[in-house]
């Protein structure tokens, strides 16, 4: 039994003459690519602010005493989370290619 959303998606796929599975795959790919672009923008904002490109480089700034943890912890946590989400989505995109 299909939910209302599934019926709508099936109708869209039918109207644009795409197999349902292909429509779902391409829609999922597009959604994930859009999401990863937003994540990359977030990473670039933080990275540019501190002159780093990875969470490891951010940690090096702490170790070298170039930045104070108390003033930058929120950005550190956000960068760490964004990198994790980026890796997760990249894996999902790889799975969709098969």
PDB file of N, CA and C in Angstrom:
ATOM      1  N   UNK A   1       0.844  -1.179   0.000  1.00  0.00           N
ATOM      2  CA  UNK A   1       0.000   0.000   0.000  1.00  0.00           C
ATOM      3  C   UNK A   1       0.896   1.251   0.000  1.00  0.00           C
ATOM      4  N   UNK A   2       0.585   2.193  -0.860  1.00  0.00           N
ATOM      5  CA  UNK A   2       1.374   3.410  -0.980  1.00  0.00           C
ATOM      6  C   UNK A   2       0.788   4.542  -0.150  1.00  0.00           C
ATOM      7  N   UNK A   3       1.676   5.349   0.396  1.00  0.00           N
ATOM      8  CA  UNK A   3       1.228   6.560   1.079  1.00  0.00           C
ATOM      9  C   UNK A   3       0.899   7.598   0.014  1.00  0.00           C
ATOM     10  N   UNK A   4       0.285   8.680   0.426  1.00  0.00           N
ATOM     11  CA  UNK A   4      -0.059   9.741  -0.516  1.00  0.00           C
ATOM     12  C   UNK A   4       1.193  10.298  -1.193  1.00  0.00           C
ATOM     13  N   UNK A   5       2.261  10.465  -0.431  1.00  0.00           N
ATOM     14  CA  UNK A   5       3.511  10.981  -1.002  1.00  0.00           C
ATOM     15  C   UNK A   5       4.055  10.037  -2.062  1.00  0.00           C
ATOM     16  N   UNK A   6       4.013   8.746  -1.784  1.00  0.00           N
ATOM     17  CA  UNK A   6       4.498   7.770  -2.759  1.00  0.00           C
ATOM     18  C   UNK A   6       3.667   7.818  -4.041  1.00  0.00           C
ATOM     19  N   UNK A   7       2.369   7.999  -3.906  1.00  0.00           N
ATOM     20  CA  UNK A   7       1.506   8.099  -5.087  1.00  0.00           C
ATOM     21  C   UNK A   7       1.872   9.324  -5.912  1.00  0.00           C
ATOM     22  N   UNK A   8       2.096  10.434  -5.234  1.00  0.00           N
ATOM     23  CA  UNK A   8       2.471  11.663  -5.935  1.00  0.00           C
ATOM     24  C   UNK A   8       3.790  11.470  -6.675  1.00  0.00           C
ATOM     25  N   UNK A   9       4.767  10.871  -5.995  1.00  0.00           N
ATOM     26  CA  UNK A   9       6.074  10.641  -6.617  1.00  0.00           C
ATOM     27  C   UNK A   9       5.943   9.703  -7.812  1.00  0.00           C
ATOM     28  N   UNK A  10       5.146   8.660  -7.680  1.00  0.00           N
ATOM     29  CA  UNK A  10       4.921   7.739  -8.804  1.00  0.00           C
ATOM     30  C   UNK A  10       4.304   8.471  -9.991  1.00  0.00           C
ATOM     31  N   UNK A  11       3.349   9.351  -9.708  1.00  0.00           N
ATOM     32  CA  UNK A  11       2.702  10.114 -10.783  1.00  0.00           C
ATOM     33  C   UNK A  11       3.677  11.072 -11.460  1.00  0.00           C
ATOM     34  N   UNK A  12       4.529  11.717 -10.670  1.00  0.00           N
ATOM     35  CA  UNK A  12       5.530  12.623 -11.252  1.00  0.00           C
ATOM     36  C   UNK A  12       6.458  11.836 -12.175  1.00  0.00           C
ATOM     37  N   UNK A  13       6.954  10.710 -11.685  1.00  0.00           N
ATOM     38  CA  UNK A  13       7.856   9.881 -12.487  1.00  0.00           C
ATOM     39  C   UNK A  13       7.171   9.445 -13.780  1.00  0.00           C
ATOM     40  N   UNK A  14       5.929   9.069 -13.667  1.00  0.00           N
ATOM     41  CA  UNK A  14       5.169   8.642 -14.845  1.00  0.00           C
ATOM     42  C   UNK A  14       4.992   9.807 -15.818  1.00  0.00           C
ATOM     43  N   UNK A  15       4.644  10.980 -15.293  1.00  0.00           N
ATOM     44  CA  UNK A  15       4.415  12.153 -16.142  1.00  0.00           C
ATOM     45  C   UNK A  15       5.667  12.584 -16.896  1.00  0.00           C
ATOM     46  N   UNK A  16       6.819  12.441 -16.272  1.00  0.00           N
ATOM     47  CA  UNK A  16       8.059  12.828 -16.962  1.00  0.00           C
ATOM     48  C   UNK A  16       8.742  11.628 -17.627  1.00  0.00           C
ATOM     49  N   UNK A  17       8.019  10.528 -17.647  1.00  0.00           N
ATOM     50  CA  UNK A  17       8.439   9.315 -18.350  1.00  0.00           C
ATOM     51  C   UNK A  17       9.792   8.779 -17.885  1.00  0.00           C
ATOM     52  N   UNK A  18       9.923   8.697 -16.566  1.00  0.00           N
ATOM     53  CA  UNK A  18      11.100   8.079 -15.958  1.00  0.00           C
ATOM     54  C   UNK A  18      10.643   6.900 -15.113  1.00  0.00           C
ATOM     55  N   UNK A  19      11.416   5.830 -15.102  1.00  0.00           N
ATOM     56  CA  UNK A  19      11.077   4.749 -14.175  1.00  0.00           C
ATOM     57  C   UNK A  19      11.116   5.270 -12.735  1.00  0.00           C
ATOM     58  N   UNK A  20      10.200   4.787 -11.933  1.00  0.00           N
ATOM     59  CA  UNK A  20      10.059   5.231 -10.542  1.00  0.00           C
ATOM     60  C   UNK A  20      11.384   5.136  -9.790  1.00  0.00           C
ATOM     61  N   UNK A  21      12.068   4.001  -9.907  1.00  0.00           N
ATOM     62  CA  UNK A  21      13.336   3.812  -9.189  1.00  0.00           C
ATOM     63  C   UNK A  21      14.400   4.812  -9.634  1.00  0.00           C
ATOM     64  N   UNK A  22      14.463   5.071 -10.923  1.00  0.00           N
ATOM     65  CA  UNK A  22      15.436   6.032 -11.434  1.00  0.00           C
ATOM     66  C   UNK A  22      15.106   7.436 -10.942  1.00  0.00           C
ATOM     67  N   UNK A  23      13.822   7.774 -10.926  1.00  0.00           N
ATOM     68  CA  UNK A  23      13.406   9.080 -10.419  1.00  0.00           C
ATOM     69  C   UNK A  23      13.813   9.237  -8.955  1.00  0.00           C
ATOM     70  N   UNK A  24      13.581   8.205  -8.150  1.00  0.00           N
ATOM     71  CA  UNK A  24      13.973   8.258  -6.736  1.00  0.00           C
ATOM     72  C   UNK A  24      15.482   8.393  -6.583  1.00  0.00           C
ATOM     73  N   UNK A  25      16.214   7.645  -7.384  1.00  0.00           N
ATOM     74  CA  UNK A  25      17.676   7.692  -7.300  1.00  0.00           C
ATOM     75  C   UNK A  25      18.196   9.077  -7.672  1.00  0.00           C
ATOM     76  N   UNK A  26      17.707   9.620  -8.778  1.00  0.00           N
ATOM     77  CA  UNK A  26      18.172  10.934  -9.225  1.00  0.00           C
ATOM     78  C   UNK A  26      17.735  12.042  -8.269  1.00  0.00           C
ATOM     79  N   UNK A  27      16.537  11.932  -7.737  1.00  0.00           N
ATOM     80  CA  UNK A  27      16.054  12.921  -6.768  1.00  0.00           C
ATOM     81  C   UNK A  27      16.899  12.883  -5.503  1.00  0.00           C
ATOM     82  N   UNK A  28      17.209  11.692  -5.049  1.00  0.00           N
ATOM     83  CA  UNK A  28      18.036  11.537  -3.852  1.00  0.00           C
ATOM     84  C   UNK A  28      19.430  12.096  -4.083  1.00  0.00           C
ATOM     85  N   UNK A  29      19.986  11.807  -5.260  1.00  0.00           N
ATOM     86  CA  UNK A  29      21.318  12.310  -5.598  1.00  0.00           C
ATOM     87  C   UNK A  29      21.327  13.836  -5.605  1.00  0.00           C
ATOM     88  N   UNK A  30      20.333  14.430  -6.239  1.00  0.00           N
ATOM     89  CA  UNK A  30      20.255  15.888  -6.309  1.00  0.00           C
ATOM     90  C   UNK A  30      20.095  16.499  -4.920  1.00  0.00           C
ATOM     91  N   UNK A  31      19.254  15.891  -4.092  1.00  0.00           N
ATOM     92  CA  UNK A  31      19.058  16.374  -2.726  1.00  0.00           C
ATOM     93  C   UNK A  31      20.370  16.343  -1.950  1.00  0.00           C
ATOM     94  N   UNK A  32      21.079  15.221  -2.025  1.00  0.00           N
ATOM     95  CA  UNK A  32      22.339  15.079  -1.292  1.00  0.00           C
ATOM     96  C   UNK A  32      23.414  16.027  -1.824  1.00  0.00           C
ATOM     97  N   UNK A  33      23.461  16.215  -3.138  1.00  0.00           N
ATOM     98  CA  UNK A  33      24.439  17.148  -3.705  1.00  0.00           C
ATOM     99  C   UNK A  33      24.166  18.579  -3.253  1.00  0.00           C
ATOM    100  N   UNK A  34      22.903  18.950  -3.168  1.00  0.00           N
ATOM    101  CA  UNK A  34      22.540  20.283  -2.683  1.00  0.00           C
ATOM    102  C   UNK A  34      22.929  20.440  -1.224  1.00  0.00           C
ATOM    103  N   UNK A  35      22.666  19.404  -0.438  1.00  0.00           N
ATOM    104  CA  UNK A  35      23.000  19.439   0.986  1.00  0.00           C
ATOM    105  C   UNK A  35      24.511  19.536   1.195  1.00  0.00           C
ATOM    106  N   UNK A  36      25.267  18.791   0.420  1.00  0.00           N
ATOM    107  CA  UNK A  36      26.719  18.812   0.595  1.00  0.00           C
ATOM    108  C   UNK A  36      27.303  20.165   0.172  1.00  0.00           C
ATOM    109  N   UNK A  37      26.699  20.825  -0.798  1.00  0.00           N
ATOM    110  CA  UNK A  37      27.157  22.171  -1.177  1.00  0.00           C
ATOM    111  C   UNK A  37      26.987  23.142  -0.015  1.00  0.00           C
ATOM    112  N   UNK A  38      25.865  23.055   0.673  1.00  0.00           N
ATOM    113  CA  UNK A  38      25.622  23.924   1.832  1.00  0.00           C
ATOM    114  C   UNK A  38      26.620  23.627   2.950  1.00  0.00           C
ATOM    115  N   UNK A  39      26.918  22.356   3.138  1.00  0.00           N
ATOM    116  CA  UNK A  39      27.891  21.959   4.159  1.00  0.00           C
ATOM    117  C   UNK A  39      29.274  22.506   3.807  1.00  0.00           C
ATOM    118  N   UNK A  40      29.650  22.389   2.541  1.00  0.00           N
ATOM    119  CA  UNK A  40      30.960  22.900   2.110  1.00  0.00           C
ATOM    120  C   UNK A  40      31.066  24.408   2.316  1.00  0.00           C
ATOM    121  N   UNK A  41      29.976  25.119   2.090  1.00  0.00           N
ATOM    122  CA  UNK A  41      29.973  26.563   2.338  1.00  0.00           C
ATOM    123  C   UNK A  41      30.220  26.837   3.816  1.00  0.00           C
ATOM    124  N   UNK A  42      29.549  26.077   4.688  1.00  0.00           N
ATOM    125  CA  UNK A  42      29.760  26.228   6.130  1.00  0.00           C
ATOM    126  C   UNK A  42      31.197  25.949   6.529  1.00  0.00           C
ATOM    127  N   UNK A  43      31.776  24.914   5.940  1.00  0.00           N
ATOM    128  CA  UNK A  43      33.173  24.574   6.220  1.00  0.00           C
ATOM    129  C   UNK A  43      34.092  25.705   5.763  1.00  0.00           C
ATOM    130  N   UNK A  44      33.850  26.213   4.571  1.00  0.00           N
ATOM    131  CA  UNK A  44      34.692  27.298   4.044  1.00  0.00           C
ATOM    132  C   UNK A  44      34.595  28.562   4.883  1.00  0.00           C
ATOM    133  N   UNK A  45      33.411  28.850   5.407  1.00  0.00           N
ATOM    134  CA  UNK A  45      33.251  30.034   6.258  1.00  0.00           C
ATOM    135  C   UNK A  45      34.127  29.936   7.502  1.00  0.00           C
ATOM    136  N   UNK A  46      34.071  28.786   8.155  1.00  0.00           N
ATOM    137  CA  UNK A  46      34.870  28.597   9.374  1.00  0.00           C
ATOM    138  C   UNK A  46      36.352  28.501   9.032  1.00  0.00           C
ATOM    139  N   UNK A  47      36.670  27.723   7.998  1.00  0.00           N
ATOM    140  CA  UNK A  47      38.072  27.549   7.606  1.00  0.00           C
ATOM    141  C   UNK A  47      38.703  28.888   7.246  1.00  0.00           C
ATOM    142  N   UNK A  48      37.975  29.709   6.521  1.00  0.00           N
ATOM    143  CA  UNK A  48      38.495  31.016   6.140  1.00  0.00           C
ATOM    144  C   UNK A  48      38.706  31.931   7.329  1.00  0.00           C
ATOM    145  N   UNK A  49      37.848  31.811   8.298  1.00  0.00           N
ATOM    146  CA  UNK A  49      37.942  32.645   9.505  1.00  0.00           C
ATOM    147  C   UNK A  49      39.237  32.384  10.267  1.00  0.00           C
ATOM    148  N   UNK A  50      39.684  31.118  10.256  1.00  0.00           N
ATOM    149  CA  UNK A  50      40.867  30.738  11.037  1.00  0.00           C
ATOM    150  C   UNK A  50      42.071  30.368  10.170  1.00  0.00           C
ATOM    151  N   UNK A  51      41.910  30.397   8.861  1.00  0.00           N
ATOM    152  CA  UNK A  51      43.018  30.063   7.977  1.00  0.00           C
ATOM    153  C   UNK A  51      43.378  28.592   7.990  1.00  0.00           C
ATOM    154  N   UNK A  52      42.375  27.741   8.149  1.00  0.00           N
ATOM    155  CA  UNK A  52      42.587  26.291   8.157  1.00  0.00           C
ATOM    156  C   UNK A  52      41.725  25.663   7.073  1.00  0.00           C
ATOM    157  N   UNK A  53      41.995  24.395   6.787  1.00  0.00           N
ATOM    158  CA  UNK A  53      41.146  23.700   5.825  1.00  0.00           C
ATOM    159  C   UNK A  53      40.546  22.417   6.393  1.00  0.00           C
ATOM    160  N   UNK A  54      41.038  21.987   7.565  1.00  0.00           N
ATOM    161  CA  UNK A  54      40.505  20.776   8.192  1.00  0.00           C
ATOM    162  C   UNK A  54      40.422  20.956   9.703  1.00  0.00           C
ATOM    163  N   UNK A  55      39.706  20.047  10.327  1.00  0.00           N
ATOM    164  CA  UNK A  55      39.595  20.066  11.786  1.00  0.00           C
ATOM    165  C   UNK A  55      40.960  19.797  12.417  1.00  0.00           C
ATOM    166  N   UNK A  56      41.791  19.002  11.760  1.00  0.00           N
ATOM    167  CA  UNK A  56      43.144  18.723  12.273  1.00  0.00           C
ATOM    168  C   UNK A  56      43.983  19.992  12.339  1.00  0.00           C
ATOM    169  N   UNK A  57      43.865  20.818  11.319  1.00  0.00           N
ATOM    170  CA  UNK A  57      44.599  22.086  11.324  1.00  0.00           C
ATOM    171  C   UNK A  57      44.072  23.007  12.422  1.00  0.00           C
ATOM    172  N   UNK A  58      42.774  22.955  12.654  1.00  0.00           N
ATOM    173  CA  UNK A  58      42.166  23.749  13.729  1.00  0.00           C
ATOM    174  C   UNK A  58      42.754  23.302  15.068  1.00  0.00           C
ATOM    175  N   UNK A  59      42.849  21.984  15.274  1.00  0.00           N
ATOM    176  CA  UNK A  59      43.421  21.447  16.513  1.00  0.00           C
ATOM    177  C   UNK A  59      44.875  21.890  16.681  1.00  0.00           C
ATOM    178  N   UNK A  60      45.612  21.958  15.578  1.00  0.00           N
ATOM    179  CA  UNK A  60      47.003  22.420  15.647  1.00  0.00           C
ATOM    180  C   UNK A  60      47.090  23.853  16.150  1.00  0.00           C
ATOM    181  N   UNK A  61      46.126  24.682  15.774  1.00  0.00           N
ATOM    182  CA  UNK A  61      46.111  26.061  16.273  1.00  0.00           C
ATOM    183  C   UNK A  61      45.968  26.083  17.788  1.00  0.00           C
ATOM    184  N   UNK A  62      45.154  25.178  18.328  1.00  0.00           N
ATOM    185  CA  UNK A  62      45.020  25.066  19.788  1.00  0.00           C
ATOM    186  C   UNK A  62      46.354  24.656  20.412  1.00  0.00           C
ATOM    187  N   UNK A  63      46.954  23.604  19.842  1.00  0.00           N
ATOM    188  CA  UNK A  63      48.212  23.083  20.394  1.00  0.00           C
ATOM    189  C   UNK A  63      49.333  24.124  20.351  1.00  0.00           C
ATOM    190  N   UNK A  64      49.329  24.915  19.305  1.00  0.00           N
ATOM    191  CA  UNK A  64      50.368  25.939  19.149  1.00  0.00           C
ATOM    192  C   UNK A  64      50.061  27.207  19.942  1.00  0.00           C
ATOM    193  N   UNK A  65      48.898  27.245  20.558  1.00  0.00           N
ATOM    194  CA  UNK A  65      48.521  28.401  21.360  1.00  0.00           C
ATOM    195  C   UNK A  65      48.158  29.634  20.542  1.00  0.00           C
ATOM    196  N   UNK A  66      47.836  29.433  19.278  1.00  0.00           N
ATOM    197  CA  UNK A  66      47.512  30.569  18.410  1.00  0.00           C
ATOM    198  C   UNK A  66      46.075  31.055  18.583  1.00  0.00           C
ATOM    199  N   UNK A  67      45.217  30.180  19.106  1.00  0.00           N
ATOM    200  CA  UNK A  67      43.832  30.577  19.386  1.00  0.00           C
ATOM    201  C   UNK A  67      43.423  30.042  20.749  1.00  0.00           C
ATOM    202  N   UNK A  68      42.465  30.702  21.367  1.00  0.00           N
ATOM    203  CA  UNK A  68      41.955  30.293  22.675  1.00  0.00           C
ATOM    204  C   UNK A  68      40.724  29.415  22.494  1.00  0.00           C
ATOM    205  N   UNK A  69      40.725  28.293  23.176  1.00  0.00           N
ATOM    206  CA  UNK A  69      39.607  27.368  23.080  1.00  0.00           C
ATOM    207  C   UNK A  69      38.306  28.008  23.549  1.00  0.00           C
ATOM    208  N   UNK A  70      38.375  28.784  24.600  1.00  0.00           N
ATOM    209  CA  UNK A  70      37.159  29.382  25.159  1.00  0.00           C
ATOM    210  C   UNK A  70      36.463  30.316  24.169  1.00  0.00           C
ATOM    211  N   UNK A  71      37.212  30.902  23.262  1.00  0.00           N
ATOM    212  CA  UNK A  71      36.636  31.843  22.298  1.00  0.00           C
ATOM    213  C   UNK A  71      36.276  31.199  20.960  1.00  0.00           C
ATOM    214  N   UNK A  72      36.742  29.981  20.729  1.00  0.00           N
ATOM    215  CA  UNK A  72      36.571  29.368  19.408  1.00  0.00           C
ATOM    216  C   UNK A  72      35.904  27.997  19.439  1.00  0.00           C
ATOM    217  N   UNK A  73      35.520  27.544  20.620  1.00  0.00           N
ATOM    218  CA  UNK A  73      34.995  26.184  20.759  1.00  0.00           C
ATOM    219  C   UNK A  73      33.746  25.938  19.914  1.00  0.00           C
ATOM    220  N   UNK A  74      32.854  26.910  19.834  1.00  0.00           N
ATOM    221  CA  UNK A  74      31.639  26.722  19.032  1.00  0.00           C
ATOM    222  C   UNK A  74      31.976  26.493  17.559  1.00  0.00           C
ATOM    223  N   UNK A  75      32.913  27.274  17.030  1.00  0.00           N
ATOM    224  CA  UNK A  75      33.333  27.084  15.639  1.00  0.00           C
ATOM    225  C   UNK A  75      34.017  25.737  15.455  1.00  0.00           C
ATOM    226  N   UNK A  76      34.826  25.342  16.430  1.00  0.00           N
ATOM    227  CA  UNK A  76      35.500  24.044  16.365  1.00  0.00           C
ATOM    228  C   UNK A  76      34.474  22.912  16.290  1.00  0.00           C
ATOM    229  N   UNK A  77      33.498  22.956  17.170  1.00  0.00           N
ATOM    230  CA  UNK A  77      32.464  21.916  17.188  1.00  0.00           C
ATOM    231  C   UNK A  77      31.671  21.901  15.887  1.00  0.00           C
ATOM    232  N   UNK A  78      31.352  23.089  15.393  1.00  0.00           N
ATOM    233  CA  UNK A  78      30.583  23.181  14.146  1.00  0.00           C
ATOM    234  C   UNK A  78      31.389  22.633  12.974  1.00  0.00           C
ATOM    235  N   UNK A  79      32.668  22.976  12.893  1.00  0.00           N
ATOM    236  CA  UNK A  79      33.520  22.463  11.821  1.00  0.00           C
ATOM    237  C   UNK A  79      33.632  20.946  11.897  1.00  0.00           C
ATOM    238  N   UNK A  80      33.804  20.424  13.088  1.00  0.00           N
ATOM    239  CA  UNK A  80      33.896  18.982  13.279  1.00  0.00           C
ATOM    240  C   UNK A  80      32.616  18.300  12.798  1.00  0.00           C
ATOM    241  N   UNK A  81      31.482  18.859  13.176  1.00  0.00           N
ATOM    242  CA  UNK A  81      30.189  18.291  12.778  1.00  0.00           C
ATOM    243  C   UNK A  81      29.994  18.373  11.261  1.00  0.00           C
ATOM    244  N   UNK A  82      30.341  19.500  10.678  1.00  0.00           N
ATOM    245  CA  UNK A  82      30.188  19.664   9.232  1.00  0.00           C
ATOM    246  C   UNK A  82      31.070  18.686   8.461  1.00  0.00           C
ATOM    247  N   UNK A  83      32.293  18.481   8.925  1.00  0.00           N
ATOM    248  CA  UNK A  83      33.175  17.518   8.263  1.00  0.00           C
ATOM    249  C   UNK A  83      32.604  16.107   8.358  1.00  0.00           C
ATOM    250  N   UNK A  84      32.044  15.762   9.512  1.00  0.00           N
ATOM    251  CA  UNK A  84      31.424  14.448   9.692  1.00  0.00           C
ATOM    252  C   UNK A  84      30.248  14.282   8.728  1.00  0.00           C
ATOM    253  N   UNK A  85      29.381  15.287   8.664  1.00  0.00           N
ATOM    254  CA  UNK A  85      28.218  15.219   7.777  1.00  0.00           C
ATOM    255  C   UNK A  85      28.646  15.132   6.314  1.00  0.00           C
ATOM    256  N   UNK A  86      29.685  15.861   5.948  1.00  0.00           N
ATOM    257  CA  UNK A  86      30.198  15.835   4.574  1.00  0.00           C
ATOM    258  C   UNK A  86      30.676  14.434   4.208  1.00  0.00           C
ATOM    259  N   UNK A  87      31.436  13.809   5.091  1.00  0.00           N
ATOM    260  CA  UNK A  87      31.919  12.450   4.836  1.00  0.00           C
ATOM    261  C   UNK A  87      30.763  11.469   4.702  1.00  0.00           C
ATOM    262  N   UNK A  88      29.777  11.613   5.568  1.00  0.00           N
ATOM    263  CA  UNK A  88      28.619  10.720   5.539  1.00  0.00           C
ATOM    264  C   UNK A  88      27.865  10.855   4.213  1.00  0.00           C
ATOM    265  N   UNK A  89      27.648  12.076   3.771  1.00  0.00           N
ATOM    266  CA  UNK A  89      26.921  12.302   2.524  1.00  0.00           C
ATOM    267  C   UNK A  89      27.738  11.840   1.323  1.00  0.00           C
ATOM    268  N   UNK A  90      29.052  12.032   1.359  1.00  0.00           N
ATOM    269  CA  UNK A  90      29.899  11.547   0.266  1.00  0.00           C
ATOM    270  C   UNK A  90      29.785  10.031   0.131  1.00  0.00           C
ATOM    271  N   UNK A  91      29.718   9.320   1.241  1.00  0.00           N
ATOM    272  CA  UNK A  91      29.547   7.862   1.197  1.00  0.00           C
ATOM    273  C   UNK A  91      28.192   7.500   0.603  1.00  0.00           C
ATOM    274  N   UNK A  92      27.155   8.224   1.000  1.00  0.00           N
ATOM    275  CA  UNK A  92      25.819   7.963   0.458  1.00  0.00           C
ATOM    276  C   UNK A  92      25.778   8.216  -1.046  1.00  0.00           C
ATOM    277  N   UNK A  93      26.435   9.263  -1.488  1.00  0.00           N
ATOM    278  CA  UNK A  93      26.482   9.552  -2.924  1.00  0.00           C
ATOM    279  C   UNK A  93      27.214   8.447  -3.683  1.00  0.00           C
ATOM    280  N   UNK A  94      28.273   7.912  -3.095  1.00  0.00           N
ATOM    281  CA  UNK A  94      28.986   6.797  -3.726  1.00  0.00           C
ATOM    282  C   UNK A  94      28.074   5.581  -3.861  1.00  0.00           C
ATOM    283  N   UNK A  95      27.281   5.324  -2.831  1.00  0.00           N
ATOM    284  CA  UNK A  95      26.352   4.193  -2.874  1.00  0.00           C
ATOM    285  C   UNK A  95      25.313   4.377  -3.971  1.00  0.00           C
ATOM    286  N   UNK A  96      24.871   5.599  -4.191  1.00  0.00           N
ATOM    287  CA  UNK A  96      23.869   5.864  -5.220  1.00  0.00           C
ATOM    288  C   UNK A  96      24.411   5.654  -6.628  1.00  0.00           C
ATOM    289  N   UNK A  97      25.716   5.714  -6.797  1.00  0.00           N
ATOM    290  CA  UNK A  97      26.306   5.551  -8.123  1.00  0.00           C
ATOM    291  C   UNK A  97      26.296   4.104  -8.587  1.00  0.00           C
ATOM    292  N   UNK A  98      26.048   3.193  -7.685  1.00  0.00           N
ATOM    293  CA  UNK A  98      26.061   1.770  -8.060  1.00  0.00           C
ATOM    294  C   UNK A  98      24.686   1.250  -8.315  1.00  0.00           C
TER     295      UNK A  98
END
